[in-house]
Structure formats: C-alpha cells, structure tokens
Protein backbone atom coordinates (compact mmCIF):
# COMPACT_ATOMS: atom_id res chain seq x y z
CA MET A 1 -18.82 29.22 -3.66
CA THR A 2 -21.48 27.96 -4.12
CA ASP A 3 -24.30 25.23 -2.71
CA HIS A 4 -25.60 24.18 -6.17
CA PHE A 5 -24.43 21.03 -7.71
CA PRO A 6 -25.70 19.71 -11.18
CA ASP A 7 -26.80 16.80 -9.81
CA PRO A 8 -29.32 17.20 -7.35
CA ASP A 9 -28.51 13.38 -6.21
CA LEU A 10 -24.90 14.23 -4.91
CA ASN A 11 -24.51 17.05 -2.69
CA VAL A 12 -20.33 17.56 -2.63
CA ARG A 13 -20.63 19.70 0.04
CA ASP A 14 -21.60 16.55 2.34
CA VAL A 15 -19.47 14.46 0.91
CA THR A 16 -16.24 16.81 1.22
CA ALA A 17 -18.12 17.37 4.96
CA ILE A 18 -17.81 12.96 5.24
CA LEU A 19 -14.58 12.84 3.97
CA GLU A 20 -12.40 15.41 6.46
CA GLU A 21 -14.60 13.57 9.38
CA PHE A 22 -13.35 9.98 8.03
CA THR A 23 -9.73 11.45 7.06
CA MET A 24 -9.04 12.86 10.21
CA PHE A 25 -10.11 9.47 11.99
CA PHE A 26 -8.25 7.65 9.31
CA ILE A 27 -5.16 9.15 9.87
CA ARG A 28 -5.06 8.85 13.33
CA LEU A 29 -6.39 4.73 13.56
CA PRO A 30 -2.69 3.21 13.50
CA SER A 31 -1.50 3.01 17.27
CA VAL A 32 1.60 1.42 15.83
CA GLU A 33 4.91 3.50 15.11
CA ARG A 34 3.31 6.49 16.02
CA LEU A 35 4.73 9.43 14.09
CA SER A 36 3.44 12.99 13.51
CA PHE A 37 1.35 13.64 10.57
CA THR A 38 4.09 15.48 8.07
CA THR A 39 6.82 12.74 8.82
CA VAL A 40 3.75 10.18 7.94
CA SER A 41 2.93 12.16 4.63
CA ALA A 42 5.98 12.09 3.61
CA LEU A 43 7.15 8.57 4.33
CA HIS A 44 3.97 8.35 1.97
CA THR A 45 5.26 10.12 -0.25
CA LEU A 46 8.57 8.61 -1.10
CA SER A 47 6.98 4.89 -0.58
CA ARG A 48 4.16 5.73 -3.25
CA PHE A 49 6.75 7.37 -5.84
CA GLY A 50 10.21 6.25 -5.01
CA PRO A 51 13.76 8.18 -4.62
CA MET A 52 13.33 11.46 -4.63
CA ARG A 53 15.39 14.98 -4.89
CA LEU A 54 15.02 16.95 -1.44
CA THR A 55 13.74 19.90 -3.48
CA GLU A 56 10.61 17.77 -5.15
CA LEU A 57 9.97 16.16 -1.75
CA THR A 58 9.69 19.49 -0.79
CA ALA A 59 7.18 20.71 -3.51
CA THR A 60 4.57 17.38 -2.57
CA GLN A 61 4.60 18.75 0.97
CA GLN A 62 3.14 21.40 2.89
CA MET A 63 6.90 22.49 4.33
CA THR A 64 9.23 25.00 4.31
CA GLN A 65 12.62 23.80 2.29
CA PRO A 66 14.88 24.25 5.78
CA ALA A 67 11.61 22.41 7.87
CA ILE A 68 11.95 19.24 5.40
CA THR A 69 15.72 19.06 5.11
CA GLN A 70 15.60 19.13 8.94
CA MET A 71 12.85 16.67 9.05
CA VAL A 72 14.74 14.14 6.84
CA ARG A 73 18.16 14.54 8.96
CA ARG A 74 15.96 13.21 11.51
CA LEU A 75 14.96 10.58 9.51
CA GLU A 76 18.21 9.38 8.25
CA ASP A 77 18.99 9.31 12.16
CA ASP A 78 16.18 7.04 12.96
CA GLY A 79 16.67 5.02 10.05
CA LEU A 80 13.86 5.22 7.93
CA LEU A 81 15.04 7.34 5.14
CA GLU A 82 18.51 7.19 3.40
CA ARG A 83 20.39 9.50 0.46
CA ARG A 84 21.90 7.91 -2.26
CA ASP A 85 23.76 9.46 -5.45
CA ASP A 86 21.14 10.49 -8.32
CA PRO A 87 22.41 8.34 -11.22
CA ARG A 88 20.69 10.68 -13.38
CA ASP A 89 23.00 13.93 -12.34
CA ALA A 90 26.26 13.23 -10.66
CA ARG A 91 25.62 16.55 -8.74
CA ALA A 92 22.51 15.56 -6.92
CA VAL A 93 21.42 13.19 -4.38
CA LEU A 94 18.20 11.08 -3.66
CA ILE A 95 15.94 10.41 -0.46
CA GLN A 96 14.37 7.08 -0.68
CA LEU A 97 13.11 4.54 2.18
CA THR A 98 15.33 2.36 3.85
CA SER A 99 13.48 -0.81 4.43
CA ARG A 100 13.00 -0.01 7.78
CA GLY A 101 10.90 3.20 6.86
CA ALA A 102 8.90 0.59 4.32
CA GLN A 103 8.88 -1.49 7.54
CA VAL A 104 6.93 1.44 9.40
CA ILE A 105 4.39 2.06 6.05
CA GLU A 106 3.31 -1.30 6.10
CA ALA A 107 2.56 -1.82 9.77
CA ARG A 108 0.81 1.23 9.91
CA ARG A 109 -1.29 -0.19 6.95
CA ALA A 110 -1.59 -3.44 8.56
CA ALA A 111 -3.12 -1.74 11.71
CA ARG A 112 -5.47 0.44 10.11
CA VAL A 113 -6.99 -2.78 7.97
CA GLU A 114 -6.83 -4.30 10.91
CA ARG A 115 -9.39 -1.78 12.91
CA LEU A 116 -11.40 -1.08 9.74
CA ALA A 117 -12.10 -4.18 9.12
CA SER A 118 -13.58 -5.02 12.78
CA LEU A 119 -15.39 -1.63 12.52
CA PHE A 120 -16.91 -3.13 9.17
CA ASP A 121 -17.96 -6.19 10.73
CA LEU A 122 -20.49 -4.07 12.62
CA LEU A 123 -21.86 -2.67 9.59
CA SER A 124 -25.27 -4.18 7.95
CA PRO A 125 -24.35 -6.34 4.53
CA GLU A 126 -26.35 -3.33 2.76
CA GLU A 127 -23.64 -0.88 4.50
CA ARG A 128 -20.70 -2.81 3.61
CA ALA A 129 -22.12 -3.38 -0.31
CA THR A 130 -22.86 0.33 -0.05
CA ILE A 131 -18.77 0.84 0.69
CA ALA A 132 -17.30 -1.41 -1.95
CA ALA A 133 -19.83 -0.39 -4.83
CA VAL A 134 -18.16 3.15 -4.29
CA VAL A 135 -14.27 2.14 -4.46
CA PRO A 136 -13.99 2.21 -8.11
CA ALA A 137 -15.49 5.96 -8.45
CA LEU A 138 -13.04 6.97 -5.36
CA ALA A 139 -9.98 5.42 -6.83
CA HIS A 140 -11.33 7.50 -10.43
CA VAL A 141 -11.92 10.58 -8.49
CA ILE A 142 -7.83 9.79 -7.39
CA ALA A 143 -6.71 8.97 -10.79
CA LEU A 144 -8.65 12.05 -12.16
CA ALA A 145 -6.79 13.89 -9.13
CA SER A 146 -3.55 13.19 -10.65
CA THR A 147 -3.57 14.30 -14.31
CA PRO A 148 -1.54 17.14 -15.10
CA GLU A 149 -4.56 19.41 -15.52
CA LEU A 150 -6.53 18.38 -12.83
CA SER A 151 -3.54 17.49 -10.18
CA VAL A 152 -3.62 18.94 -6.95
CA HIS A 153 0.23 18.29 -6.16
CA PRO A 154 3.46 19.07 -8.47
CA GLN A 155 4.01 16.58 -10.95
CA VAL A 156 6.15 13.60 -9.80
CA SER A 157 9.61 14.21 -12.40
CA GLU A 158 11.33 11.19 -14.10
CA SER A 159 13.47 11.23 -11.75
CA THR A 160 10.97 10.37 -9.13
CA GLU A 161 8.71 7.98 -11.24
CA GLN A 162 9.04 4.25 -9.21
CA HIS A 163 12.00 2.74 -9.60
CA PRO A 164 11.70 -1.20 -9.48
CA GLU A 165 14.85 -1.44 -6.56
CA SER A 166 13.19 0.77 -4.14
CA PRO A 167 10.50 -0.21 -1.73
CA GLN A 168 6.79 0.74 -3.22
CA VAL A 169 4.59 0.30 0.05
CA GLN A 170 1.29 2.56 -0.42
CA GLU A 171 -0.82 3.04 2.76
C-alpha cells in the first residue's frame, strides 16, 4: 500500500490511526454490563438487524461456527438471547435478543453517551463544532460501506431484515 492519497488535505493513514485509537477507547467506555468483545459484537448485530439464523450471525462475526454456537448457548442461558421458529422456513430457527439483551445494549449505550458527553465538555467550542461537522461525513462513509459493492461484511438476507416485533436498539 502506498502513502500517496489523491487529497493532500486528507491523510487516510492518519485518519485510520486515530479511528483505531478512538475505537479501542470507545469500545471500552461502558463500565456497566461488562461482556467480551465478541459477545457485544453479536448482541449489537442482532440489535441492529433483528433476528437471524445462526449461520447468518456467524457470517457477520469473526468466529467459527462451533464457537458462535457455544456463545449463543451461553447467552441463551444468561437470558440475553432466545431461539424462535423461522416463519419463512419451518426447519430453521432464528436467534434474537430478549428484552434483557436489549436492555444490556441500551445500558452500555447510555454509559457510553454519558462518558463521551463529560469528555466533550472539556473540549473547546471549536473542537466540539469540528466533531459535529464530521458526523454527517462519517455517516456517509458507513452508508457507502454498507452497499453490496463496498460492504466489508456479508449482506443481511431477507430473513434478517429489521423485524418490527424485535427490539431494534443500536449502540
């Protein structure tokens, strides 16, 4: 990979380094409902996309099928996930968040918001304005990365489109 980027005012290598550092800090912000990163990732995936088959959940995580099966069983035992029949295929089951699982995601988000707000209060008005200005651009990058041609994750199938009966919590 080259360090040459078409826009001299945007150093993608620096942006990447800062985002990596911010991500490491950000994912560790919540001091409530401490869970492993893989567990949190699976819960967030289900909160965002709704119920999905185990194979589809596996495709969104960087885990093997046996490892995710074991994690799902543990989360079921903990009351955070549940299985239900797939209405589109009687042979299959869907994994979904329970209300307790949705509460865990929301508690983590609330703790993260509170902590970030206290840190943002320490910034100058200009720094806060800069962060506010970049939010739409980052949202656009996320939208671009979600398109089938540019996606970094397997596409969500029809069976995992957002379901109105499932809690749709995002962190």
